[in-house]
Amino acid sequence: GAGSDGVGVDGVSSGVVKSGAEGSEESSEIEASQASRTGHT
């Protein structure tokens, strides 16, 4: 089984929601990372 270490099935753990430019930049990085992972999958 997967996910036993507390990490979600997409490999991204839940964290604190940020706002503004910092949150937007981090959101873009997460989306890019998820797209990369989707490609690898």
All heavy atoms as atom14 arrays in JSON, in Angstrom:
{
  "sequence": "GAGSDGVGVDGVSSGVVKSGAEGSEESSEIEASQASRTGHT",
  "atom14_mask": [
    [1, 1, 1, 1, 0, 0, 0, 0, 0, 0, 0, 0, 0, 0],
    [1, 1, 1, 1, 1, 0, 0, 0, 0, 0, 0, 0, 0, 0],
    [1, 1, 1, 1, 0, 0, 0, 0, 0, 0, 0, 0, 0, 0],
    [1, 1, 1, 1, 1, 1, 0, 0, 0, 0, 0, 0, 0, 0],
    [1, 1, 1, 1, 1, 1, 1, 1, 0, 0, 0, 0, 0, 0],
    [1, 1, 1, 1, 0, 0, 0, 0, 0, 0, 0, 0, 0, 0],
    [1, 1, 1, 1, 1, 1, 1, 0, 0, 0, 0, 0, 0, 0],
    [1, 1, 1, 1, 0, 0, 0, 0, 0, 0, 0, 0, 0, 0],
    [1, 1, 1, 1, 1, 1, 1, 0, 0, 0, 0, 0, 0, 0],
    [1, 1, 1, 1, 1, 1, 1, 1, 0, 0, 0, 0, 0, 0],
    [1, 1, 1, 1, 0, 0, 0, 0, 0, 0, 0, 0, 0, 0],
    [1, 1, 1, 1, 1, 1, 1, 0, 0, 0, 0, 0, 0, 0],
    [1, 1, 1, 1, 1, 1, 0, 0, 0, 0, 0, 0, 0, 0],
    [1, 1, 1, 1, 1, 1, 0, 0, 0, 0, 0, 0, 0, 0],
    [1, 1, 1, 1, 0, 0, 0, 0, 0, 0, 0, 0, 0, 0],
    [1, 1, 1, 1, 1, 1, 1, 0, 0, 0, 0, 0, 0, 0],
    [1, 1, 1, 1, 1, 1, 1, 0, 0, 0, 0, 0, 0, 0],
    [1, 1, 1, 1, 1, 1, 1, 1, 1, 0, 0, 0, 0, 0],
    [1, 1, 1, 1, 1, 1, 0, 0, 0, 0, 0, 0, 0, 0],
    [1, 1, 1, 1, 0, 0, 0, 0, 0, 0, 0, 0, 0, 0],
    [1, 1, 1, 1, 1, 0, 0, 0, 0, 0, 0, 0, 0, 0],
    [1, 1, 1, 1, 1, 1, 1, 1, 1, 0, 0, 0, 0, 0],
    [1, 1, 1, 1, 0, 0, 0, 0, 0, 0, 0, 0, 0, 0],
    [1, 1, 1, 1, 1, 1, 0, 0, 0, 0, 0, 0, 0, 0],
    [1, 1, 1, 1, 1, 1, 1, 1, 1, 0, 0, 0, 0, 0],
    [1, 1, 1, 1, 1, 1, 1, 1, 1, 0, 0, 0, 0, 0],
    [1, 1, 1, 1, 1, 1, 0, 0, 0, 0, 0, 0, 0, 0],
    [1, 1, 1, 1, 1, 1, 0, 0, 0, 0, 0, 0, 0, 0],
    [1, 1, 1, 1, 1, 1, 1, 1, 1, 0, 0, 0, 0, 0],
    [1, 1, 1, 1, 1, 1, 1, 1, 0, 0, 0, 0, 0, 0],
    [1, 1, 1, 1, 1, 1, 1, 1, 1, 0, 0, 0, 0, 0],
    [1, 1, 1, 1, 1, 0, 0, 0, 0, 0, 0, 0, 0, 0],
    [1, 1, 1, 1, 1, 1, 0, 0, 0, 0, 0, 0, 0, 0],
    [1, 1, 1, 1, 1, 1, 1, 1, 1, 0, 0, 0, 0, 0],
    [1, 1, 1, 1, 1, 0, 0, 0, 0, 0, 0, 0, 0, 0],
    [1, 1, 1, 1, 1, 1, 0, 0, 0, 0, 0, 0, 0, 0],
    [1, 1, 1, 1, 1, 1, 1, 1, 1, 1, 1, 0, 0, 0],
    [1, 1, 1, 1, 1, 1, 1, 0, 0, 0, 0, 0, 0, 0],
    [1, 1, 1, 1, 0, 0, 0, 0, 0, 0, 0, 0, 0, 0],
    [1, 1, 1, 1, 1, 1, 1, 1, 1, 1, 0, 0, 0, 0],
    [1, 1, 1, 1, 1, 1, 1, 0, 0, 0, 0, 0, 0, 0]
  ],
  "atom14_positions": [
    [[0.81, -1.2, 0.0], [0.0, 0.0, 0.0], [0.84, 1.25, 0.0], [2.0, 1.24, 0.37], [0.0, 0.0, 0.0], [0.0, 0.0, 0.0], [0.0, 0.0, 0.0], [0.0, 0.0, 0.0], [0.0, 0.0, 0.0], [0.0, 0.0, 0.0], [0.0, 0.0, 0.0], [0.0, 0.0, 0.0], [0.0, 0.0, 0.0], [0.0, 0.0, 0.0]],
    [[0.25, 2.34, -0.4], [0.94, 3.61, -0.44], [0.28, 4.58, 0.51], [-0.85, 4.4, 0.93], [0.92, 4.16, -1.87], [0.0, 0.0, 0.0], [0.0, 0.0, 0.0], [0.0, 0.0, 0.0], [0.0, 0.0, 0.0], [0.0, 0.0, 0.0], [0.0, 0.0, 0.0], [0.0, 0.0, 0.0], [0.0, 0.0, 0.0], [0.0, 0.0, 0.0]],
    [[1.0, 5.61, 0.84], [0.43, 6.66, 1.64], [0.49, 6.4, 3.13], [-0.14, 7.11, 3.9], [0.0, 0.0, 0.0], [0.0, 0.0, 0.0], [0.0, 0.0, 0.0], [0.0, 0.0, 0.0], [0.0, 0.0, 0.0], [0.0, 0.0, 0.0], [0.0, 0.0, 0.0], [0.0, 0.0, 0.0], [0.0, 0.0, 0.0], [0.0, 0.0, 0.0]],
    [[1.23, 5.4, 3.58], [1.27, 5.06, 4.99], [2.09, 6.05, 5.8], [2.02, 6.07, 7.01], [1.84, 3.65, 5.17], [3.14, 3.56, 4.62], [0.0, 0.0, 0.0], [0.0, 0.0, 0.0], [0.0, 0.0, 0.0], [0.0, 0.0, 0.0], [0.0, 0.0, 0.0], [0.0, 0.0, 0.0], [0.0, 0.0, 0.0], [0.0, 0.0, 0.0]],
    [[2.9, 6.84, 5.12], [3.73, 7.8, 5.85], [3.01, 9.13, 6.05], [3.61, 10.11, 6.48], [5.04, 8.04, 5.09], [4.8, 8.5, 3.67], [3.62, 8.58, 3.24], [5.78, 8.78, 2.98], [0.0, 0.0, 0.0], [0.0, 0.0, 0.0], [0.0, 0.0, 0.0], [0.0, 0.0, 0.0], [0.0, 0.0, 0.0], [0.0, 0.0, 0.0]],
    [[1.73, 9.18, 5.71], [0.98, 10.4, 5.93], [0.95, 11.33, 4.74], [0.28, 12.35, 4.76], [0.0, 0.0, 0.0], [0.0, 0.0, 0.0], [0.0, 0.0, 0.0], [0.0, 0.0, 0.0], [0.0, 0.0, 0.0], [0.0, 0.0, 0.0], [0.0, 0.0, 0.0], [0.0, 0.0, 0.0], [0.0, 0.0, 0.0], [0.0, 0.0, 0.0]],
    [[1.7, 10.96, 3.7], [1.71, 11.78, 2.49], [0.55, 11.36, 1.61], [0.25, 10.18, 1.47], [3.04, 11.61, 1.73], [3.04, 12.43, 0.46], [4.2, 12.01, 2.63], [0.0, 0.0, 0.0], [0.0, 0.0, 0.0], [0.0, 0.0, 0.0], [0.0, 0.0, 0.0], [0.0, 0.0, 0.0], [0.0, 0.0, 0.0], [0.0, 0.0, 0.0]],
    [[-0.12, 12.29, 1.0], [-1.29, 11.98, 0.16], [-0.9, 11.18, -1.05], [0.27, 11.04, -1.4], [0.0, 0.0, 0.0], [0.0, 0.0, 0.0], [0.0, 0.0, 0.0], [0.0, 0.0, 0.0], [0.0, 0.0, 0.0], [0.0, 0.0, 0.0], [0.0, 0.0, 0.0], [0.0, 0.0, 0.0], [0.0, 0.0, 0.0], [0.0, 0.0, 0.0]],
    [[-1.89, 10.65, -1.74], [-1.64, 9.81, -2.89], [-0.97, 10.58, -4.02], [-0.32, 9.99, -4.88], [-2.96, 9.19, -3.41], [-3.51, 8.21, -2.41], [-3.98, 10.28, -3.72], [0.0, 0.0, 0.0], [0.0, 0.0, 0.0], [0.0, 0.0, 0.0], [0.0, 0.0, 0.0], [0.0, 0.0, 0.0], [0.0, 0.0, 0.0], [0.0, 0.0, 0.0]],
    [[-1.1, 11.89, -4.03], [-0.44, 12.67, -5.06], [0.92, 13.15, -4.61], [1.61, 13.87, -5.32], [-1.31, 13.88, -5.48], [-1.56, 14.82, -4.31], [-1.2, 14.46, -3.17], [-2.11, 15.91, -4.55], [0.0, 0.0, 0.0], [0.0, 0.0, 0.0], [0.0, 0.0, 0.0], [0.0, 0.0, 0.0], [0.0, 0.0, 0.0], [0.0, 0.0, 0.0]],
    [[1.34, 12.71, -3.41], [2.67, 13.06, -2.93], [2.74, 14.43, -2.32], [3.8, 14.89, -1.93], [0.0, 0.0, 0.0], [0.0, 0.0, 0.0], [0.0, 0.0, 0.0], [0.0, 0.0, 0.0], [0.0, 0.0, 0.0], [0.0, 0.0, 0.0], [0.0, 0.0, 0.0], [0.0, 0.0, 0.0], [0.0, 0.0, 0.0], [0.0, 0.0, 0.0]],
    [[1.6, 15.15, -2.18], [1.62, 16.51, -1.64], [0.93, 16.5, -0.29], [-0.23, 16.14, -0.19], [0.89, 17.49, -2.59], [0.95, 18.89, -2.0], [1.53, 17.45, -3.97], [0.0, 0.0, 0.0], [0.0, 0.0, 0.0], [0.0, 0.0, 0.0], [0.0, 0.0, 0.0], [0.0, 0.0, 0.0], [0.0, 0.0, 0.0], [0.0, 0.0, 0.0]],
    [[1.63, 16.89, 0.74], [1.02, 16.93, 2.07], [0.27, 18.24, 2.23], [0.58, 19.24, 1.62], [2.1, 16.81, 3.16], [3.04, 17.85, 3.03], [0.0, 0.0, 0.0], [0.0, 0.0, 0.0], [0.0, 0.0, 0.0], [0.0, 0.0, 0.0], [0.0, 0.0, 0.0], [0.0, 0.0, 0.0], [0.0, 0.0, 0.0], [0.0, 0.0, 0.0]],
    [[-0.77, 18.18, 3.08], [-1.55, 19.39, 3.31], [-0.74, 20.37, 4.13], [0.0, 19.99, 5.02], [-2.84, 19.01, 4.04], [-2.53, 18.36, 5.26], [0.0, 0.0, 0.0], [0.0, 0.0, 0.0], [0.0, 0.0, 0.0], [0.0, 0.0, 0.0], [0.0, 0.0, 0.0], [0.0, 0.0, 0.0], [0.0, 0.0, 0.0], [0.0, 0.0, 0.0]],
    [[-0.89, 21.66, 3.81], [-0.1, 22.66, 4.53], [-0.93, 23.91, 4.78], [-2.14, 23.94, 4.58], [0.0, 0.0, 0.0], [0.0, 0.0, 0.0], [0.0, 0.0, 0.0], [0.0, 0.0, 0.0], [0.0, 0.0, 0.0], [0.0, 0.0, 0.0], [0.0, 0.0, 0.0], [0.0, 0.0, 0.0], [0.0, 0.0, 0.0], [0.0, 0.0, 0.0]],
    [[-0.27, 24.98, 5.24], [-0.95, 26.24, 5.55], [-1.22, 26.98, 4.25], [-0.36, 27.1, 3.39], [-0.08, 27.11, 6.47], [-0.78, 28.43, 6.77], [0.22, 26.35, 7.76], [0.0, 0.0, 0.0], [0.0, 0.0, 0.0], [0.0, 0.0, 0.0], [0.0, 0.0, 0.0], [0.0, 0.0, 0.0], [0.0, 0.0, 0.0], [0.0, 0.0, 0.0]],
    [[-2.44, 27.49, 4.11], [-2.81, 28.23, 2.89], [-2.22, 29.62, 2.96], [-2.36, 30.33, 3.96], [-4.35, 28.31, 2.74], [-4.71, 29.11, 1.5], [-4.94, 26.9, 2.68], [0.0, 0.0, 0.0], [0.0, 0.0, 0.0], [0.0, 0.0, 0.0], [0.0, 0.0, 0.0], [0.0, 0.0, 0.0], [0.0, 0.0, 0.0], [0.0, 0.0, 0.0]],
    [[-1.53, 30.02, 1.89], [-0.92, 31.34, 1.84], [-1.68, 32.18, 0.84], [-2.3, 31.67, -0.09], [0.56, 31.24, 1.43], [1.43, 30.52, 2.48], [2.86, 30.55, 2.04], [3.78, 29.93, 3.09], [3.57, 28.52, 3.31], [0.0, 0.0, 0.0], [0.0, 0.0, 0.0], [0.0, 0.0, 0.0], [0.0, 0.0, 0.0], [0.0, 0.0, 0.0]],
    [[-1.6, 33.49, 0.99], [-2.31, 34.4, 0.1], [-1.32, 35.32, -0.59], [-0.15, 35.36, -0.23], [-3.32, 35.23, 0.9], [-2.65, 35.97, 1.91], [0.0, 0.0, 0.0], [0.0, 0.0, 0.0], [0.0, 0.0, 0.0], [0.0, 0.0, 0.0], [0.0, 0.0, 0.0], [0.0, 0.0, 0.0], [0.0, 0.0, 0.0], [0.0, 0.0, 0.0]],
    [[-1.82, 36.07, -1.6], [-0.98, 37.05, -2.27], [-0.06, 36.41, -3.27], [-0.26, 35.3, -3.74], [0.0, 0.0, 0.0], [0.0, 0.0, 0.0], [0.0, 0.0, 0.0], [0.0, 0.0, 0.0], [0.0, 0.0, 0.0], [0.0, 0.0, 0.0], [0.0, 0.0, 0.0], [0.0, 0.0, 0.0], [0.0, 0.0, 0.0], [0.0, 0.0, 0.0]],
    [[1.03, 37.17, -3.59], [1.99, 36.73, -4.61], [2.68, 35.44, -4.19], [2.94, 34.56, -5.0], [3.02, 37.84, -4.85], [0.0, 0.0, 0.0], [0.0, 0.0, 0.0], [0.0, 0.0, 0.0], [0.0, 0.0, 0.0], [0.0, 0.0, 0.0], [0.0, 0.0, 0.0], [0.0, 0.0, 0.0], [0.0, 0.0, 0.0], [0.0, 0.0, 0.0]],
    [[2.98, 35.36, -2.86], [3.68, 34.16, -2.37], [2.82, 32.92, -2.58], [3.28, 31.89, -3.03], [4.0, 34.34, -0.89], [4.77, 33.15, -0.3], [5.01, 33.35, 1.18], [4.66, 34.41, 1.71], [5.56, 32.41, 1.8], [0.0, 0.0, 0.0], [0.0, 0.0, 0.0], [0.0, 0.0, 0.0], [0.0, 0.0, 0.0], [0.0, 0.0, 0.0]],
    [[1.5, 33.08, -2.25], [0.6, 31.95, -2.42], [0.42, 31.6, -3.88], [0.35, 30.43, -4.25], [0.0, 0.0, 0.0], [0.0, 0.0, 0.0], [0.0, 0.0, 0.0], [0.0, 0.0, 0.0], [0.0, 0.0, 0.0], [0.0, 0.0, 0.0], [0.0, 0.0, 0.0], [0.0, 0.0, 0.0], [0.0, 0.0, 0.0], [0.0, 0.0, 0.0]],
    [[0.33, 32.61, -4.75], [0.16, 32.36, -6.18], [1.37, 31.66, -6.77], [1.24, 30.74, -7.57], [-0.08, 33.7, -6.9], [-0.16, 33.49, -8.29], [0.0, 0.0, 0.0], [0.0, 0.0, 0.0], [0.0, 0.0, 0.0], [0.0, 0.0, 0.0], [0.0, 0.0, 0.0], [0.0, 0.0, 0.0], [0.0, 0.0, 0.0], [0.0, 0.0, 0.0]],
    [[2.58, 32.14, -6.34], [3.82, 31.53, -6.85], [3.92, 30.07, -6.4], [4.27, 29.19, -7.18], [5.02, 32.33, -6.35], [6.36, 31.79, -6.87], [7.52, 32.63, -6.36], [7.27, 33.69, -5.76], [8.65, 32.19, -6.58], [0.0, 0.0, 0.0], [0.0, 0.0, 0.0], [0.0, 0.0, 0.0], [0.0, 0.0, 0.0], [0.0, 0.0, 0.0]],
    [[3.59, 29.84, -5.12], [3.67, 28.47, -4.59], [2.64, 27.59, -5.28], [2.89, 26.43, -5.58], [3.43, 28.48, -3.09], [3.61, 27.11, -2.45], [3.58, 27.2, -0.94], [4.07, 28.21, -0.41], [3.07, 26.26, -0.32], [0.0, 0.0, 0.0], [0.0, 0.0, 0.0], [0.0, 0.0, 0.0], [0.0, 0.0, 0.0], [0.0, 0.0, 0.0]],
    [[1.44, 28.17, -5.56], [0.41, 27.4, -6.25], [0.87, 26.99, -7.64], [0.63, 25.86, -8.07], [-0.86, 28.24, -6.33], [-1.85, 27.54, -7.06], [0.0, 0.0, 0.0], [0.0, 0.0, 0.0], [0.0, 0.0, 0.0], [0.0, 0.0, 0.0], [0.0, 0.0, 0.0], [0.0, 0.0, 0.0], [0.0, 0.0, 0.0], [0.0, 0.0, 0.0]],
    [[1.57, 27.9, -8.34], [2.07, 27.59, -9.68], [3.1, 26.46, -9.62], [3.14, 25.57, -10.47], [2.68, 28.83, -10.32], [1.71, 29.84, -10.46], [0.0, 0.0, 0.0], [0.0, 0.0, 0.0], [0.0, 0.0, 0.0], [0.0, 0.0, 0.0], [0.0, 0.0, 0.0], [0.0, 0.0, 0.0], [0.0, 0.0, 0.0], [0.0, 0.0, 0.0]],
    [[3.98, 26.52, -8.59], [5.01, 25.49, -8.43], [4.36, 24.13, -8.17], [4.79, 23.1, -8.7], [5.95, 25.87, -7.3], [6.84, 27.07, -7.61], [7.7, 27.45, -6.41], [7.52, 26.81, -5.35], [8.54, 28.35, -6.56], [0.0, 0.0, 0.0], [0.0, 0.0, 0.0], [0.0, 0.0, 0.0], [0.0, 0.0, 0.0], [0.0, 0.0, 0.0]],
    [[3.31, 24.15, -7.33], [2.63, 22.9, -7.02], [1.98, 22.31, -8.27], [2.05, 21.12, -8.55], [1.57, 23.12, -5.92], [2.27, 23.43, -4.59], [0.67, 21.9, -5.77], [1.31, 23.78, -3.47], [0.0, 0.0, 0.0], [0.0, 0.0, 0.0], [0.0, 0.0, 0.0], [0.0, 0.0, 0.0], [0.0, 0.0, 0.0], [0.0, 0.0, 0.0]],
    [[1.31, 23.22, -9.08], [0.68, 22.75, -10.3], [1.69, 22.17, -11.27], [1.45, 21.14, -11.91], [-0.09, 23.89, -10.96], [-1.33, 24.32, -10.17], [-1.99, 25.53, -10.8], [-1.47, 26.01, -11.82], [-3.03, 25.97, -10.28], [0.0, 0.0, 0.0], [0.0, 0.0, 0.0], [0.0, 0.0, 0.0], [0.0, 0.0, 0.0], [0.0, 0.0, 0.0]],
    [[2.85, 22.84, -11.38], [3.91, 22.34, -12.27], [4.42, 20.99, -11.78], [4.68, 20.07, -12.57], [5.05, 23.36, -12.34], [0.0, 0.0, 0.0], [0.0, 0.0, 0.0], [0.0, 0.0, 0.0], [0.0, 0.0, 0.0], [0.0, 0.0, 0.0], [0.0, 0.0, 0.0], [0.0, 0.0, 0.0], [0.0, 0.0, 0.0], [0.0, 0.0, 0.0]],
    [[4.58, 20.89, -10.45], [5.06, 19.62, -9.88], [4.06, 18.51, -10.12], [4.42, 17.39, -10.47], [5.3, 19.81, -8.38], [5.7, 18.58, -7.79], [0.0, 0.0, 0.0], [0.0, 0.0, 0.0], [0.0, 0.0, 0.0], [0.0, 0.0, 0.0], [0.0, 0.0, 0.0], [0.0, 0.0, 0.0], [0.0, 0.0, 0.0], [0.0, 0.0, 0.0]],
    [[2.75, 18.84, -9.95], [1.72, 17.83, -10.18], [1.68, 17.41, -11.64], [1.5, 16.23, -11.96], [0.37, 18.37, -9.75], [0.21, 18.49, -8.24], [-1.13, 19.12, -7.86], [-1.71, 19.85, -8.65], [-1.58, 18.84, -6.64], [0.0, 0.0, 0.0], [0.0, 0.0, 0.0], [0.0, 0.0, 0.0], [0.0, 0.0, 0.0], [0.0, 0.0, 0.0]],
    [[1.85, 18.36, -12.55], [1.86, 18.04, -13.98], [3.03, 17.13, -14.31], [2.92, 16.19, -15.1], [1.93, 19.33, -14.81], [0.0, 0.0, 0.0], [0.0, 0.0, 0.0], [0.0, 0.0, 0.0], [0.0, 0.0, 0.0], [0.0, 0.0, 0.0], [0.0, 0.0, 0.0], [0.0, 0.0, 0.0], [0.0, 0.0, 0.0], [0.0, 0.0, 0.0]],
    [[4.19, 17.42, -13.7], [5.36, 16.59, -13.93], [5.13, 15.18, -13.43], [5.45, 14.2, -14.11], [6.59, 17.21, -13.23], [7.71, 16.37, -13.36], [0.0, 0.0, 0.0], [0.0, 0.0, 0.0], [0.0, 0.0, 0.0], [0.0, 0.0, 0.0], [0.0, 0.0, 0.0], [0.0, 0.0, 0.0], [0.0, 0.0, 0.0], [0.0, 0.0, 0.0]],
    [[4.52, 15.12, -12.22], [4.26, 13.8, -11.67], [3.24, 13.04, -12.51], [3.33, 11.83, -12.68], [3.76, 13.93, -10.23], [4.89, 14.09, -9.21], [4.33, 13.93, -7.8], [3.39, 15.0, -7.46], [3.74, 16.16, -6.93], [5.02, 16.42, -6.72], [2.85, 17.07, -6.64], [0.0, 0.0, 0.0], [0.0, 0.0, 0.0], [0.0, 0.0, 0.0]],
    [[2.26, 13.75, -13.03], [1.26, 13.11, -13.89], [1.9, 12.54, -15.14], [1.58, 11.44, -15.59], [0.17, 14.12, -14.28], [-0.45, 14.61, -13.09], [-0.87, 13.47, -15.17], [0.0, 0.0, 0.0], [0.0, 0.0, 0.0], [0.0, 0.0, 0.0], [0.0, 0.0, 0.0], [0.0, 0.0, 0.0], [0.0, 0.0, 0.0], [0.0, 0.0, 0.0]],
    [[2.86, 13.31, -15.71], [3.59, 12.83, -16.88], [4.38, 11.58, -16.58], [4.37, 10.61, -17.34], [0.0, 0.0, 0.0], [0.0, 0.0, 0.0], [0.0, 0.0, 0.0], [0.0, 0.0, 0.0], [0.0, 0.0, 0.0], [0.0, 0.0, 0.0], [0.0, 0.0, 0.0], [0.0, 0.0, 0.0], [0.0, 0.0, 0.0], [0.0, 0.0, 0.0]],
    [[5.06, 11.59, -15.41], [5.82, 10.4, -15.02], [4.9, 9.22, -14.78], [5.21, 8.08, -15.14], [6.63, 10.68, -13.74], [7.81, 11.59, -13.97], [8.77, 11.3, -14.9], [8.18, 12.76, -13.36], [9.7, 12.26, -14.88], [9.36, 13.16, -13.96], [0.0, 0.0, 0.0], [0.0, 0.0, 0.0], [0.0, 0.0, 0.0], [0.0, 0.0, 0.0]],
    [[3.74, 9.48, -14.18], [2.78, 8.41, -13.92], [2.26, 7.8, -15.21], [2.13, 6.58, -15.33], [1.6, 8.94, -13.09], [2.09, 9.49, -11.86], [0.6, 7.83, -12.78], [0.0, 0.0, 0.0], [0.0, 0.0, 0.0], [0.0, 0.0, 0.0], [0.0, 0.0, 0.0], [0.0, 0.0, 0.0], [0.0, 0.0, 0.0], [0.0, 0.0, 0.0]]
  ]
}
